[in-house]
């Protein structure tokens, strides 16, 4: 087993990096473990995505984020966070997944896909983008059904169903339509989501109004087959020819991992993890939460801009606790 760390940070996204910067500046021995690439969730965002936030609101560690436009793009964000990691020589293990965590002799033993480590404290900053919320309909596991959307060109000249009315669904609908796809949106509610980016919302509503993009409100997907799909609409079941389904139904934290750590979750649909908002410590001593994972299924509550201060809270509390002999 390797030498003991003061902090192991699980998750190498923006908030995980912010925690690493705080730990480094505090003189603590830390390690970031990320199961994918650096800022893995951002990497998996659509290629043409533009952030809702301005660049200064997603800065971390007091390092300016300079970009060409008021709203930074995915490539600009990837480059910014990569430069944060490399210029600060942050200690990160990439493509390494945390498998198990055990309390051993006052420390936590962290077993990964590649090694084993010891740490006095753990910060979980794993986000929520890795596990899609499933539709639970027949045919959902066919290759034509996608829960992640990357590049519109792939869907050119295809018949595409978009499930959802949030930012991701709207972006996919507009981008694939502009590449020549025949787009049908299946929307549970009465219209486009209220949180859709204000500069995009009129665009999608106008495309629907003019008939360029079909939209069925108060509707849901019933079943998917190789060449068609069934939609339950207000007027009954409709079967349409279909090549691909892009199900933008949202994502959820890895609740199984949280529970394996001993962290309690609320017993409602939100499944919010238990933590102290002053210190971000969970019901498990010396295990902390940072970032969007704090909201459970309320994935719209926490973003980079309003959770980056979690890093300072956590590391400050750990530093004080260590100076007081761990109490």
Protein backbone atom coordinates (compact mmCIF):
# COMPACT_ATOMS: atom_id res chain seq x y z
CA UNK A 1 0.00 0.00 0.00
CA UNK A 2 1.26 3.48 -0.84
CA UNK A 3 2.06 6.18 1.71
CA UNK A 4 -0.87 7.79 3.50
CA UNK A 5 -2.48 10.86 1.94
CA UNK A 6 -4.17 13.68 3.79
CA UNK A 7 -6.93 13.83 1.17
CA UNK A 8 -8.05 11.65 -1.72
CA UNK A 9 -10.38 13.44 -4.12
CA UNK A 10 -12.66 11.15 -6.13
CA UNK A 11 -13.48 12.89 -9.40
CA UNK A 12 -11.31 15.01 -11.68
CA UNK A 13 -13.92 17.51 -12.85
CA UNK A 14 -13.79 21.28 -12.25
CA UNK A 15 -14.81 20.98 -8.58
CA UNK A 16 -12.38 18.11 -7.98
CA UNK A 17 -9.62 20.27 -9.46
CA UNK A 18 -10.71 23.18 -7.26
CA UNK A 19 -10.36 20.91 -4.21
CA UNK A 20 -6.91 19.85 -5.38
CA UNK A 21 -5.80 23.47 -5.74
CA UNK A 22 -7.03 24.26 -2.23
CA UNK A 23 -5.29 21.19 -0.81
CA UNK A 24 -2.03 22.04 -2.55
CA UNK A 25 -2.13 25.66 -1.35
CA UNK A 26 -2.81 24.40 2.19
CA UNK A 27 0.30 22.22 2.05
CA UNK A 28 -1.65 18.98 2.32
CA UNK A 29 -0.73 15.71 0.63
CA UNK A 30 -3.57 15.01 -1.81
CA UNK A 31 -4.40 12.79 -4.77
CA UNK A 32 -7.14 13.12 -7.40
CA UNK A 33 -8.50 9.88 -8.84
CA UNK A 34 -10.61 10.11 -12.02
CA UNK A 35 -12.11 7.09 -13.76
CA UNK A 36 -12.07 8.76 -17.18
CA UNK A 37 -10.16 11.60 -18.79
CA UNK A 38 -9.53 14.99 -17.20
CA UNK A 39 -12.88 16.80 -16.67
CA UNK A 40 -14.53 13.71 -18.09
CA UNK A 41 -18.11 15.04 -17.94
CA UNK A 42 -17.21 18.19 -19.89
CA UNK A 43 -15.41 16.06 -22.45
CA UNK A 44 -18.63 14.11 -23.01
CA UNK A 45 -20.70 17.25 -23.56
CA UNK A 46 -21.87 17.93 -27.16
CA UNK A 47 -19.07 19.20 -29.38
CA UNK A 48 -20.76 22.54 -30.05
CA UNK A 49 -22.05 23.20 -26.54
CA UNK A 50 -21.93 26.73 -25.13
CA UNK A 51 -22.07 27.24 -21.36
CA UNK A 52 -24.93 29.16 -19.80
CA UNK A 53 -22.48 30.82 -17.39
CA UNK A 54 -19.93 33.45 -18.35
CA UNK A 55 -16.27 32.48 -18.14
CA UNK A 56 -15.49 34.32 -14.89
CA UNK A 57 -18.24 32.40 -13.10
CA UNK A 58 -16.67 29.01 -13.80
CA UNK A 59 -13.11 30.02 -12.92
CA UNK A 60 -11.42 28.05 -10.15
CA UNK A 61 -8.46 28.76 -7.93
CA UNK A 62 -8.53 32.46 -8.74
CA UNK A 63 -7.07 31.72 -12.22
CA UNK A 64 -8.67 33.94 -14.91
CA UNK A 65 -10.61 32.17 -17.67
CA UNK A 66 -10.13 34.28 -20.78
CA UNK A 67 -12.18 33.35 -23.84
CA UNK A 68 -13.24 34.99 -27.09
CA UNK A 69 -16.96 35.25 -26.34
CA UNK A 70 -19.07 36.10 -23.28
CA UNK A 71 -20.22 32.46 -23.03
CA UNK A 72 -17.35 29.95 -23.19
CA UNK A 73 -17.55 26.90 -25.41
CA UNK A 74 -16.75 23.29 -24.57
CA UNK A 75 -13.29 23.38 -26.26
CA UNK A 76 -12.38 26.57 -24.39
CA UNK A 77 -13.43 25.02 -21.07
CA UNK A 78 -11.47 21.84 -21.74
CA UNK A 79 -8.35 23.87 -22.49
CA UNK A 80 -8.81 26.08 -19.42
CA UNK A 81 -9.13 23.19 -16.97
CA UNK A 82 -6.29 21.29 -18.66
CA UNK A 83 -4.02 24.30 -18.21
CA UNK A 84 -5.13 24.56 -14.58
CA UNK A 85 -4.07 20.95 -13.99
CA UNK A 86 -0.78 21.07 -15.88
CA UNK A 87 0.47 24.52 -14.87
CA UNK A 88 -0.17 23.74 -11.20
CA UNK A 89 1.32 20.25 -11.51
CA UNK A 90 -1.73 18.75 -9.81
CA UNK A 91 -1.33 15.13 -8.71
CA UNK A 92 -3.97 13.23 -10.68
CA UNK A 93 -4.49 9.59 -11.61
CA UNK A 94 -6.58 9.40 -14.78
CA UNK A 95 -8.38 6.39 -16.29
CA UNK A 96 -8.43 4.84 -12.83
CA UNK A 97 -11.75 3.94 -11.17
CA UNK A 98 -12.37 3.79 -7.43
CA UNK A 99 -13.84 0.35 -6.74
CA UNK A 100 -14.00 0.09 -2.93
CA UNK A 101 -13.40 2.18 0.16
CA UNK A 102 -12.87 0.63 3.61
CA UNK A 103 -12.20 2.13 7.03
CA UNK A 104 -8.95 0.62 8.34
CA UNK A 105 -7.18 1.67 11.56
CA UNK A 106 -8.43 5.25 11.50
CA UNK A 107 -7.77 5.73 7.78
CA UNK A 108 -9.67 4.98 4.60
CA UNK A 109 -8.28 2.36 2.27
CA UNK A 110 -9.16 3.27 -1.31
CA UNK A 111 -8.96 0.40 -3.78
CA UNK A 112 -9.00 1.35 -7.46
CA UNK A 113 -8.80 -0.49 -10.76
CA UNK A 114 -5.02 -0.02 -10.67
CA UNK A 115 -3.76 0.42 -7.11
CA UNK A 116 -4.54 0.81 -3.41
CA UNK A 117 -4.12 3.97 -1.33
CA UNK A 118 -4.61 5.19 2.22
CA UNK A 119 -6.05 8.55 3.16
CA UNK A 120 -7.22 10.33 6.29
CA UNK A 121 -9.98 12.16 4.39
CA UNK A 122 -12.01 11.62 1.23
CA UNK A 123 -13.75 14.20 -0.93
CA UNK A 124 -16.37 12.84 -3.33
CA UNK A 125 -16.72 15.17 -6.34
CA UNK A 126 -18.06 12.73 -8.92
CA UNK A 127 -20.92 14.78 -10.38
CA UNK A 128 -23.93 13.12 -11.97
CA UNK A 129 -23.28 12.75 -15.70
CA UNK A 130 -22.24 9.08 -15.83
CA UNK A 131 -25.57 7.31 -15.30
CA UNK A 132 -28.52 8.22 -17.56
CA UNK A 133 -32.10 8.19 -16.31
CA UNK A 134 -33.68 5.41 -18.33
CA UNK A 135 -37.05 5.54 -20.07
CA UNK A 136 -37.87 1.94 -19.14
CA UNK A 137 -39.63 1.23 -22.44
CA UNK A 138 -39.33 -1.79 -24.76
CA UNK A 139 -36.45 -1.36 -27.21
CA UNK A 140 -34.55 1.15 -25.10
CA UNK A 141 -31.42 -0.99 -25.25
CA UNK A 142 -31.32 -1.11 -29.05
CA UNK A 143 -28.16 0.47 -30.53
CA UNK A 144 -30.28 3.17 -32.18
CA UNK A 145 -31.24 4.62 -28.76
CA UNK A 146 -28.67 7.09 -27.39
CA UNK A 147 -28.61 8.73 -23.96
CA UNK A 148 -25.67 10.96 -24.89
CA UNK A 149 -25.49 13.37 -27.79
CA UNK A 150 -22.16 14.43 -29.28
CA UNK A 151 -22.08 15.48 -32.93
CA UNK A 152 -25.00 16.43 -35.23
CA UNK A 153 -23.34 15.23 -38.46
CA UNK A 154 -23.86 11.60 -37.44
CA UNK A 155 -27.65 12.11 -37.73
CA UNK A 156 -27.64 13.90 -41.10
CA UNK A 157 -30.48 12.78 -43.41
CA UNK A 158 -31.91 10.49 -40.68
CA UNK A 159 -35.28 10.35 -38.93
CA UNK A 160 -34.54 11.32 -35.33
CA UNK A 161 -36.74 11.35 -32.23
CA UNK A 162 -35.56 13.65 -29.45
CA UNK A 163 -37.01 12.84 -26.01
CA UNK A 164 -37.04 15.82 -23.64
CA UNK A 165 -37.35 19.60 -23.64
CA UNK A 166 -34.30 20.73 -21.66
CA UNK A 167 -31.15 22.45 -22.91
CA UNK A 168 -29.57 19.21 -24.09
CA UNK A 169 -32.70 18.11 -25.94
CA UNK A 170 -33.19 21.49 -27.58
CA UNK A 171 -29.54 21.70 -28.68
CA UNK A 172 -29.74 18.21 -30.18
CA UNK A 173 -32.99 19.01 -31.97
CA UNK A 174 -31.75 22.25 -33.52
CA UNK A 175 -28.30 20.96 -34.46
CA UNK A 176 -29.47 17.72 -36.05
CA UNK A 177 -32.25 19.55 -37.92
CA UNK A 178 -29.70 21.98 -39.33
CA UNK A 179 -27.69 19.01 -40.59
CA UNK A 180 -30.70 17.74 -42.50
CA UNK A 181 -32.30 15.35 -40.03
CA UNK A 182 -36.06 14.93 -39.84
CA UNK A 183 -36.64 15.76 -36.17
CA UNK A 184 -39.56 14.86 -33.91
CA UNK A 185 -39.56 15.97 -30.27
CA UNK A 186 -41.44 13.99 -27.61
CA UNK A 187 -42.15 16.23 -24.62
CA UNK A 188 -43.92 15.24 -21.40
CA UNK A 189 -44.90 18.78 -20.45
CA UNK A 190 -46.81 21.55 -22.15
CA UNK A 191 -43.85 23.23 -23.81
CA UNK A 192 -40.11 23.83 -23.98
CA UNK A 193 -38.46 23.79 -20.56
CA UNK A 194 -38.29 27.10 -18.66
CA UNK A 195 -34.54 26.67 -17.97
CA UNK A 196 -33.59 26.49 -21.66
CA UNK A 197 -30.95 29.09 -22.55
CA UNK A 198 -32.68 32.38 -23.28
CA UNK A 199 -30.93 32.89 -26.61
CA UNK A 200 -31.94 29.39 -27.80
CA UNK A 201 -35.56 29.18 -26.60
CA UNK A 202 -37.04 31.49 -29.28
CA UNK A 203 -35.17 29.56 -31.98
CA UNK A 204 -36.62 26.16 -31.07
CA UNK A 205 -40.11 27.56 -30.51
CA UNK A 206 -40.07 29.25 -33.91
CA UNK A 207 -38.85 26.07 -35.64
CA UNK A 208 -41.69 24.13 -34.03
CA UNK A 209 -44.25 26.82 -34.87
CA UNK A 210 -43.28 26.86 -38.54
CA UNK A 211 -43.34 23.04 -38.68
CA UNK A 212 -39.66 22.52 -39.43
CA UNK A 213 -39.37 20.46 -36.23
CA UNK A 214 -42.35 18.38 -35.11
CA UNK A 215 -43.19 18.42 -31.41
CA UNK A 216 -45.70 16.35 -29.45
CA UNK A 217 -46.52 17.86 -26.05
CA UNK A 218 -48.04 15.91 -23.14
CA UNK A 219 -46.52 12.86 -24.81
CA UNK A 220 -44.06 10.07 -24.08
CA UNK A 221 -42.23 7.33 -25.90
CA UNK A 222 -44.00 3.95 -25.62
CA UNK A 223 -41.73 1.54 -27.53
CA UNK A 224 -38.81 1.48 -29.95
CA UNK A 225 -38.20 -0.97 -32.79
CA UNK A 226 -35.54 -1.23 -35.47
CA UNK A 227 -37.27 0.99 -38.03
CA UNK A 228 -40.06 2.71 -36.09
CA UNK A 229 -41.21 3.92 -32.70
CA UNK A 230 -44.51 4.33 -30.86
CA UNK A 231 -45.42 7.61 -29.17
CA UNK A 232 -48.29 8.06 -26.71
CA UNK A 233 -49.80 11.45 -27.57
CA UNK A 234 -52.83 13.36 -26.36
CA UNK A 235 -54.69 11.96 -29.40
CA UNK A 236 -53.64 8.35 -28.93
CA UNK A 237 -50.73 6.14 -29.94
CA UNK A 238 -48.77 7.26 -33.00
CA UNK A 239 -46.30 5.02 -34.86
CA UNK A 240 -43.66 6.80 -36.93
CA UNK A 241 -40.70 5.69 -39.03
CA UNK A 242 -37.49 6.24 -37.11
CA UNK A 243 -33.73 5.71 -37.44
CA UNK A 244 -32.45 7.03 -34.09
CA UNK A 245 -33.77 8.03 -30.68
CA UNK A 246 -31.81 10.58 -28.65
CA UNK A 247 -33.18 10.31 -25.11
CA UNK A 248 -32.18 13.47 -23.27
CA UNK A 249 -33.94 12.39 -20.08
CA UNK A 250 -31.27 13.50 -17.63
CA UNK A 251 -28.63 11.80 -15.52
CA UNK A 252 -28.13 10.79 -11.90
CA UNK A 253 -25.33 10.46 -9.35
CA UNK A 254 -23.83 7.07 -8.58
CA UNK A 255 -26.01 6.42 -5.54
CA UNK A 256 -24.65 2.89 -5.15
CA UNK A 257 -21.15 4.29 -4.65
CA UNK A 258 -22.36 6.82 -2.07
CA UNK A 259 -24.18 4.11 -0.14
CA UNK A 260 -21.13 1.84 -0.28
CA UNK A 261 -19.28 4.59 1.59
CA UNK A 262 -21.96 4.55 4.29
CA UNK A 263 -23.46 7.90 3.26
CA UNK A 264 -27.18 8.07 4.00
CA UNK A 265 -29.64 9.28 1.35
CA UNK A 266 -33.03 10.88 1.85
CA UNK A 267 -35.87 8.39 1.46
CA UNK A 268 -37.77 10.46 -1.11
CA UNK A 269 -37.34 10.66 -4.88
CA UNK A 270 -34.56 13.24 -4.51
CA UNK A 271 -32.25 10.82 -2.66
CA UNK A 272 -30.19 13.74 -1.38
CA UNK A 273 -26.98 12.68 0.39
CA UNK A 274 -26.59 13.66 4.04
CA UNK A 275 -24.00 16.39 4.67
CA UNK A 276 -23.33 19.46 6.81
CA UNK A 277 -23.62 22.55 4.56
CA UNK A 278 -21.13 24.45 6.74
CA UNK A 279 -18.33 21.90 6.32
CA UNK A 280 -19.66 19.61 3.52
CA UNK A 281 -18.90 16.61 5.74
CA UNK A 282 -21.28 13.68 5.38
CA UNK A 283 -22.64 11.46 8.13
CA UNK A 284 -19.41 9.47 7.68
CA UNK A 285 -16.58 11.21 9.54
CA UNK A 286 -13.86 12.58 7.26
CA UNK A 287 -15.84 11.92 4.06
CA UNK A 288 -16.97 15.09 2.30
CA UNK A 289 -19.10 15.97 -0.74
CA UNK A 290 -18.31 18.70 -3.26
CA UNK A 291 -20.14 19.96 -6.33
CA UNK A 292 -23.34 18.91 -8.03
CA UNK A 293 -23.50 15.51 -6.33
CA UNK A 294 -24.76 17.31 -3.21
CA UNK A 295 -28.18 17.79 -4.80
CA UNK A 296 -29.02 14.14 -5.40
CA UNK A 297 -31.63 13.97 -8.16
CA UNK A 298 -32.02 17.77 -8.00
CA UNK A 299 -29.27 18.05 -10.58
CA UNK A 300 -30.25 21.62 -11.50
CA UNK A 301 -29.41 23.05 -8.04
CA UNK A 302 -25.61 22.97 -8.10
CA UNK A 303 -23.34 24.12 -10.92
CA UNK A 304 -19.66 24.99 -11.16
CA UNK A 305 -20.37 28.63 -10.38
CA UNK A 306 -22.21 28.06 -7.09
CA UNK A 307 -20.32 24.99 -5.83
CA UNK A 308 -16.70 25.97 -6.43
CA UNK A 309 -16.61 27.45 -2.91
CA UNK A 310 -17.14 23.93 -1.54
CA UNK A 311 -13.41 23.36 -2.03
CA UNK A 312 -12.40 26.13 0.36
CA UNK A 313 -14.96 25.06 2.97
CA UNK A 314 -13.80 21.46 2.94
CA UNK A 315 -10.06 21.99 2.89
CA UNK A 316 -10.28 24.75 5.51
CA UNK A 317 -12.21 22.42 7.81
CA UNK A 318 -9.77 19.54 7.22
CA UNK A 319 -6.77 21.79 7.87
CA UNK A 320 -8.28 23.03 11.16
CA UNK A 321 -9.19 19.49 12.21
CA UNK A 322 -5.66 18.27 11.51
CA UNK A 323 -4.15 21.15 13.48
CA UNK A 324 -6.41 20.20 16.38
CA UNK A 325 -5.22 16.62 16.36
CA UNK A 326 -7.97 15.25 14.15
CA UNK A 327 -10.87 16.25 16.39
